[in-house]
Amino acid sequence: MVLPSAVKLSVRFADMNEITLTDREEAIARKAAKLAIEEMSGEFYKKVGKTVVEKALIWIGMLVVGFVIGKGWIVKV
């Protein structure tokens, strides 16, 4: 049953220039596209934000360890 739907899709793409959307269909398509973009960008920024926070915490940790060693609070044995 996959083949007939694939055939329909190829026919639809071939006739794409002749398709007209009603105002309602166009509004639905715009809203769906907007939601998809918001979701994708939200996931991207979550991943980027997580990476930035992790790197910042690593740098802060290295600075604290360097400061503590520099003050002599940790003595090499």
Protein backbone atom coordinates (compact mmCIF):
# COMPACT_ATOMS: atom_id res chain seq x y z
CA MET A 1 0.00 0.00 0.00
CA VAL A 2 3.00 2.33 0.25
CA LEU A 3 3.40 2.53 -3.50
CA PRO A 4 0.04 4.20 -4.28
CA SER A 5 0.63 6.94 -1.71
CA ALA A 6 4.12 7.52 -3.11
CA VAL A 7 2.61 7.79 -6.57
CA LYS A 8 0.03 10.29 -5.32
CA LEU A 9 2.77 12.36 -3.74
CA SER A 10 4.79 12.48 -6.93
CA VAL A 11 1.69 13.51 -8.89
CA ARG A 12 0.94 16.21 -6.32
CA PHE A 13 4.46 17.60 -6.55
CA ALA A 14 4.26 17.59 -10.34
CA ASP A 15 1.02 19.59 -10.24
CA MET A 16 2.13 21.89 -7.37
CA ASN A 17 1.99 25.03 -9.52
CA GLU A 18 -1.74 24.56 -10.08
CA ILE A 19 -2.70 24.11 -6.40
CA THR A 20 -4.51 26.99 -4.75
CA LEU A 21 -5.15 27.15 -1.03
CA THR A 22 -8.13 28.64 0.69
CA ASP A 23 -7.53 31.31 3.32
CA ARG A 24 -8.21 28.76 6.06
CA GLU A 25 -5.76 26.23 4.61
CA GLU A 26 -3.11 28.90 4.19
CA ALA A 27 -3.60 30.05 7.81
CA ILE A 28 -3.28 26.46 9.03
CA ALA A 29 -0.11 25.94 6.97
CA ARG A 30 1.44 29.16 8.28
CA LYS A 31 0.62 28.28 11.89
CA ALA A 32 2.03 24.75 11.46
CA ALA A 33 5.22 26.11 9.91
CA LYS A 34 5.58 28.69 12.68
CA LEU A 35 5.12 26.06 15.40
CA ALA A 36 7.65 23.77 13.72
CA ILE A 37 10.24 26.54 13.53
CA GLU A 38 9.65 27.56 17.16
CA GLU A 39 10.04 23.97 18.33
CA MET A 40 13.22 23.40 16.31
CA SER A 41 14.79 26.66 17.44
CA GLY A 42 13.76 26.00 21.04
CA GLU A 43 15.52 22.63 20.99
CA PHE A 44 18.59 24.19 19.35
CA TYR A 45 18.85 26.93 21.96
CA LYS A 46 18.35 24.43 24.79
CA LYS A 47 21.28 22.37 23.50
CA VAL A 48 23.46 25.42 22.90
CA GLY A 49 22.56 26.86 26.31
CA LYS A 50 23.38 23.58 28.01
CA THR A 51 26.77 23.46 26.31
CA VAL A 52 27.56 27.07 27.21
CA VAL A 53 26.60 26.51 30.85
CA GLU A 54 28.70 23.35 31.04
CA LYS A 55 31.74 25.12 29.60
CA ALA A 56 31.25 28.11 31.92
CA LEU A 57 31.09 25.80 34.94
CA ILE A 58 34.26 24.02 33.83
CA TRP A 59 36.08 27.36 33.52
CA ILE A 60 34.79 28.53 36.91
CA GLY A 61 35.94 25.25 38.47
CA MET A 62 39.40 25.60 36.93
CA LEU A 63 39.68 29.19 38.17
CA VAL A 64 38.63 28.21 41.69
CA VAL A 65 41.13 25.35 41.81
CA GLY A 66 43.87 27.65 40.50
CA PHE A 67 42.99 30.31 43.06
CA VAL A 68 42.95 27.81 45.93
CA ILE A 69 46.30 26.33 44.89
CA GLY A 70 47.73 29.84 44.41
CA LYS A 71 46.69 30.84 47.94
CA GLY A 72 48.36 27.74 49.33
CA TRP A 73 45.17 26.34 50.78
CA ILE A 74 45.90 23.04 49.02
CA VAL A 75 49.38 21.69 49.69
CA LYS A 76 51.06 19.23 47.35
CA VAL A 77 52.05 16.09 49.23
